[in-house]
C-alpha atoms as a PDB file:
ATOM      1  CA  MET A   1       0.000   0.000   0.000  1.00  0.00           C
ATOM      2  CA  ALA A   2       1.319   3.447  -0.891  1.00  0.00           C
ATOM      3  CA  SER A   3       2.082   5.968   1.828  1.00  0.00           C
ATOM      4  CA  ARG A   4      -0.302   8.916   2.035  1.00  0.00           C
ATOM      5  CA  ASP A   5       0.607  12.500   2.843  1.00  0.00           C
ATOM      6  CA  TYR A   6      -2.972  13.450   3.707  1.00  0.00           C
ATOM      7  CA  THR A   7      -5.669  11.548   5.538  1.00  0.00           C
ATOM      8  CA  THR A   8      -9.062  12.483   6.869  1.00  0.00           C
ATOM      9  CA  ARG A   9      -8.859  14.105  10.255  1.00  0.00           C
ATOM     10  CA  ARG A  10     -12.561  14.460  10.930  1.00  0.00           C
ATOM     11  CA  SER A  11     -12.983  11.689  13.496  1.00  0.00           C
ATOM     12  CA  ALA A  12      -9.674  12.520  15.212  1.00  0.00           C
ATOM     13  CA  ILE A  13     -10.766  16.141  15.752  1.00  0.00           C
ATOM     14  CA  VAL A  14     -14.162  15.052  17.072  1.00  0.00           C
ATOM     15  CA  ASP A  15     -12.500  12.535  19.411  1.00  0.00           C
ATOM     16  CA  ALA A  16     -10.156  15.225  20.740  1.00  0.00           C
ATOM     17  CA  TYR A  17     -13.145  17.405  21.666  1.00  0.00           C
ATOM     18  CA  VAL A  18     -14.937  14.441  23.257  1.00  0.00           C
ATOM     19  CA  THR A  19     -11.920  13.852  25.497  1.00  0.00           C
ATOM     20  CA  LYS A  20     -11.751  17.515  26.544  1.00  0.00           C
ATOM     21  CA  LEU A  21     -15.521  17.809  27.112  1.00  0.00           C
ATOM     22  CA  LEU A  22     -15.390  14.876  29.517  1.00  0.00           C
ATOM     23  CA  ASP A  23     -13.514  17.252  31.855  1.00  0.00           C
ATOM     24  CA  ILE A  24     -16.778  19.130  32.524  1.00  0.00           C
ATOM     25  CA  ASP A  25     -17.329  17.859  36.052  1.00  0.00           C
ATOM     26  CA  GLY A  26     -18.889  20.758  37.965  1.00  0.00           C
ATOM     27  CA  THR A  27     -15.633  21.750  39.663  1.00  0.00           C
ATOM     28  CA  GLY A  28     -13.360  24.736  39.122  1.00  0.00           C
ATOM     29  CA  ALA A  29     -14.589  26.898  36.254  1.00  0.00           C
ATOM     30  CA  PHE A  30     -17.323  24.411  35.259  1.00  0.00           C
ATOM     31  CA  LEU A  31     -20.947  25.070  36.139  1.00  0.00           C
ATOM     32  CA  SER A  32     -22.316  21.626  35.276  1.00  0.00           C
ATOM     33  CA  SER A  33     -21.259  18.009  35.400  1.00  0.00           C
ATOM     34  CA  VAL A  34     -21.603  16.055  32.154  1.00  0.00           C
ATOM     35  CA  SER A  35     -22.842  12.466  32.301  1.00  0.00           C
ATOM     36  CA  ASN A  36     -22.198  11.548  28.696  1.00  0.00           C
ATOM     37  CA  VAL A  37     -20.124  12.834  25.746  1.00  0.00           C
ATOM     38  CA  GLU A  38     -20.191  10.888  22.492  1.00  0.00           C
ATOM     39  CA  PRO A  39     -18.633  11.352  19.048  1.00  0.00           C
ATOM     40  CA  ARG A  40     -21.862  10.802  17.158  1.00  0.00           C
ATOM     41  CA  LEU A  41     -25.269  12.315  16.672  1.00  0.00           C
ATOM     42  CA  LYS A  42     -28.062  11.155  18.936  1.00  0.00           C
ATOM     43  CA  PHE A  43     -31.602  12.396  19.210  1.00  0.00           C
ATOM     44  CA  TRP A  44     -33.525  13.319  22.354  1.00  0.00           C
ATOM     45  CA  ASP A  45     -35.334   9.978  22.622  1.00  0.00           C
ATOM     46  CA  GLU A  46     -32.003   8.091  22.521  1.00  0.00           C
ATOM     47  CA  ILE A  47     -30.445   9.931  25.464  1.00  0.00           C
ATOM     48  CA  GLU A  48     -30.437   8.001  28.737  1.00  0.00           C
ATOM     49  CA  GLU A  49     -28.140  10.119  30.945  1.00  0.00           C
ATOM     50  CA  PHE A  50     -28.259  13.911  31.275  1.00  0.00           C
ATOM     51  CA  PRO A  51     -26.634  16.300  30.737  1.00  0.00           C
ATOM     52  CA  ALA A  52     -25.174  14.929  27.544  1.00  0.00           C
ATOM     53  CA  ILE A  53     -23.131  16.337  24.677  1.00  0.00           C
ATOM     54  CA  HIS A  54     -22.945  14.726  21.251  1.00  0.00           C
ATOM     55  CA  ILE A  55     -20.618  15.933  18.515  1.00  0.00           C
ATOM     56  CA  ASN A  56     -20.661  15.175  14.841  1.00  0.00           C
ATOM     57  CA  ALA A  57     -18.587  16.396  11.927  1.00  0.00           C
ATOM     58  CA  GLY A  58     -20.409  18.092   9.083  1.00  0.00           C
ATOM     59  CA  GLY A  59     -19.219  19.520   5.811  1.00  0.00           C
ATOM     60  CA  GLU A  60     -15.588  20.117   5.013  1.00  0.00           C
ATOM     61  CA  THR A  61     -14.276  22.680   2.555  1.00  0.00           C
ATOM     62  CA  ARG A  62     -10.789  23.641   1.486  1.00  0.00           C
ATOM     63  CA  GLU A  63      -9.278  26.953   0.564  1.00  0.00           C
ATOM     64  CA  TYR A  64      -6.150  26.770  -1.577  1.00  0.00           C
ATOM     65  CA  LEU A  65      -3.806  29.687  -0.923  1.00  0.00           C
ATOM     66  CA  GLY A  66      -1.020  28.904  -3.380  1.00  0.00           C
ATOM     67  CA  ALA A  67       2.547  27.770  -2.809  1.00  0.00           C
ATOM     68  CA  GLY A  68       1.189  24.467  -1.495  1.00  0.00           C
ATOM     69  CA  GLU A  69      -0.683  26.111   1.375  1.00  0.00           C
ATOM     70  CA  LYS A  70      -4.308  25.338   2.099  1.00  0.00           C
ATOM     71  CA  PHE A  71      -6.836  25.580   4.884  1.00  0.00           C
ATOM     72  CA  ARG A  72      -9.414  22.911   5.655  1.00  0.00           C
ATOM     73  CA  PHE A  73     -12.638  24.112   7.245  1.00  0.00           C
ATOM     74  CA  LEU A  74     -14.667  21.546   9.148  1.00  0.00           C
ATOM     75  CA  THR A  75     -18.107  22.216  10.592  1.00  0.00           C
ATOM     76  CA  LEU A  76     -18.733  20.542  13.940  1.00  0.00           C
ATOM     77  CA  THR A  77     -22.159  20.301  15.548  1.00  0.00           C
ATOM     78  CA  PHE A  78     -22.307  20.161  19.330  1.00  0.00           C
ATOM     79  CA  ARG A  79     -25.711  18.970  20.560  1.00  0.00           C
ATOM     80  CA  CYS A  80     -26.272  19.650  24.230  1.00  0.00           C
ATOM     81  CA  TYR A  81     -29.063  17.850  26.084  1.00  0.00           C
ATOM     82  CA  VAL A  82     -30.439  18.604  29.552  1.00  0.00           C
ATOM     83  CA  ASN A  83     -33.432  17.294  31.473  1.00  0.00           C
ATOM     84  CA  GLU A  84     -34.069  19.537  34.460  1.00  0.00           C
ATOM     85  CA  GLU A  85     -36.859  21.543  36.053  1.00  0.00           C
ATOM     86  CA  ASP A  86     -35.457  24.743  34.528  1.00  0.00           C
ATOM     87  CA  PRO A  87     -34.058  23.510  31.199  1.00  0.00           C
ATOM     88  CA  VAL A  88     -33.222  26.981  29.880  1.00  0.00           C
ATOM     89  CA  GLU A  89     -30.943  27.747  32.830  1.00  0.00           C
ATOM     90  CA  ALA A  90     -29.384  24.274  32.740  1.00  0.00           C
ATOM     91  CA  LEU A  91     -28.731  24.538  29.004  1.00  0.00           C
ATOM     92  CA  GLU A  92     -27.135  27.976  29.424  1.00  0.00           C
ATOM     93  CA  ARG A  93     -24.752  26.581  32.059  1.00  0.00           C
ATOM     94  CA  LEU A  94     -23.871  23.581  29.914  1.00  0.00           C
ATOM     95  CA  MET A  95     -23.304  25.666  26.792  1.00  0.00           C
ATOM     96  CA  GLU A  96     -21.114  28.070  28.765  1.00  0.00           C
ATOM     97  CA  ASP A  97     -19.054  25.065  29.899  1.00  0.00           C
ATOM     98  CA  VAL A  98     -18.753  23.825  26.297  1.00  0.00           C
ATOM     99  CA  GLU A  99     -17.576  27.261  25.204  1.00  0.00           C
ATOM    100  CA  THR A 100     -15.057  27.304  28.075  1.00  0.00           C
ATOM    101  CA  VAL A 101     -13.614  23.992  26.838  1.00  0.00           C
ATOM    102  CA  ILE A 102     -13.474  25.128  23.207  1.00  0.00           C
ATOM    103  CA  GLU A 103     -11.847  28.475  24.009  1.00  0.00           C
ATOM    104  CA  GLY A 104      -9.463  26.906  26.537  1.00  0.00           C
ATOM    105  CA  ASN A 105      -8.256  24.366  23.994  1.00  0.00           C
ATOM    106  CA  ASN A 106      -7.721  26.557  20.965  1.00  0.00           C
ATOM    107  CA  PRO A 107      -5.878  25.153  19.143  1.00  0.00           C
ATOM    108  CA  ILE A 108      -6.827  21.600  20.064  1.00  0.00           C
ATOM    109  CA  ASN A 109      -4.260  18.875  19.436  1.00  0.00           C
ATOM    110  CA  TYR A 110      -5.178  15.531  17.903  1.00  0.00           C
ATOM    111  CA  THR A 111      -3.425  12.570  16.309  1.00  0.00           C
ATOM    112  CA  ASP A 112      -4.114  11.857  12.625  1.00  0.00           C
ATOM    113  CA  ASN A 113      -4.408   8.401  11.035  1.00  0.00           C
ATOM    114  CA  LEU A 114      -0.663   8.382  10.306  1.00  0.00           C
ATOM    115  CA  GLY A 115       0.179   8.887  13.998  1.00  0.00           C
ATOM    116  CA  ASN A 116       1.237  12.525  13.577  1.00  0.00           C
ATOM    117  CA  VAL A 117       0.209  15.065  16.198  1.00  0.00           C
ATOM    118  CA  GLN A 118      -1.713  17.872  14.502  1.00  0.00           C
ATOM    119  CA  SER A 119      -3.593  20.912  15.758  1.00  0.00           C
ATOM    120  CA  THR A 120      -6.509  23.028  14.667  1.00  0.00           C
ATOM    121  CA  ILE A 121      -6.345  26.736  14.005  1.00  0.00           C
END
């Protein structure tokens, strides 16, 4: 099999966020404690433990800049699920925690299919 210079990085990026989002435990800067984080889309009726976060990768585009440089743009969807007496307040806390993780891990490091450590921009 021929060696590849480029491989898909979609699942590796999603997995890196899943790992970081599992740190939401209600301590320190976190306002909520997450029961479940998964790297796939689930719908409300499939959720068994709350709060839950599910991430899936959407469309990917590329922008070619010349001289061999390019940017890949990947859309990620973060679905946050709560089941509390005041769901609006609970969802606000959970989404603030998700934003804290994203901003605190920018760039986020991940390992591609070739075993190379990469990072997002």
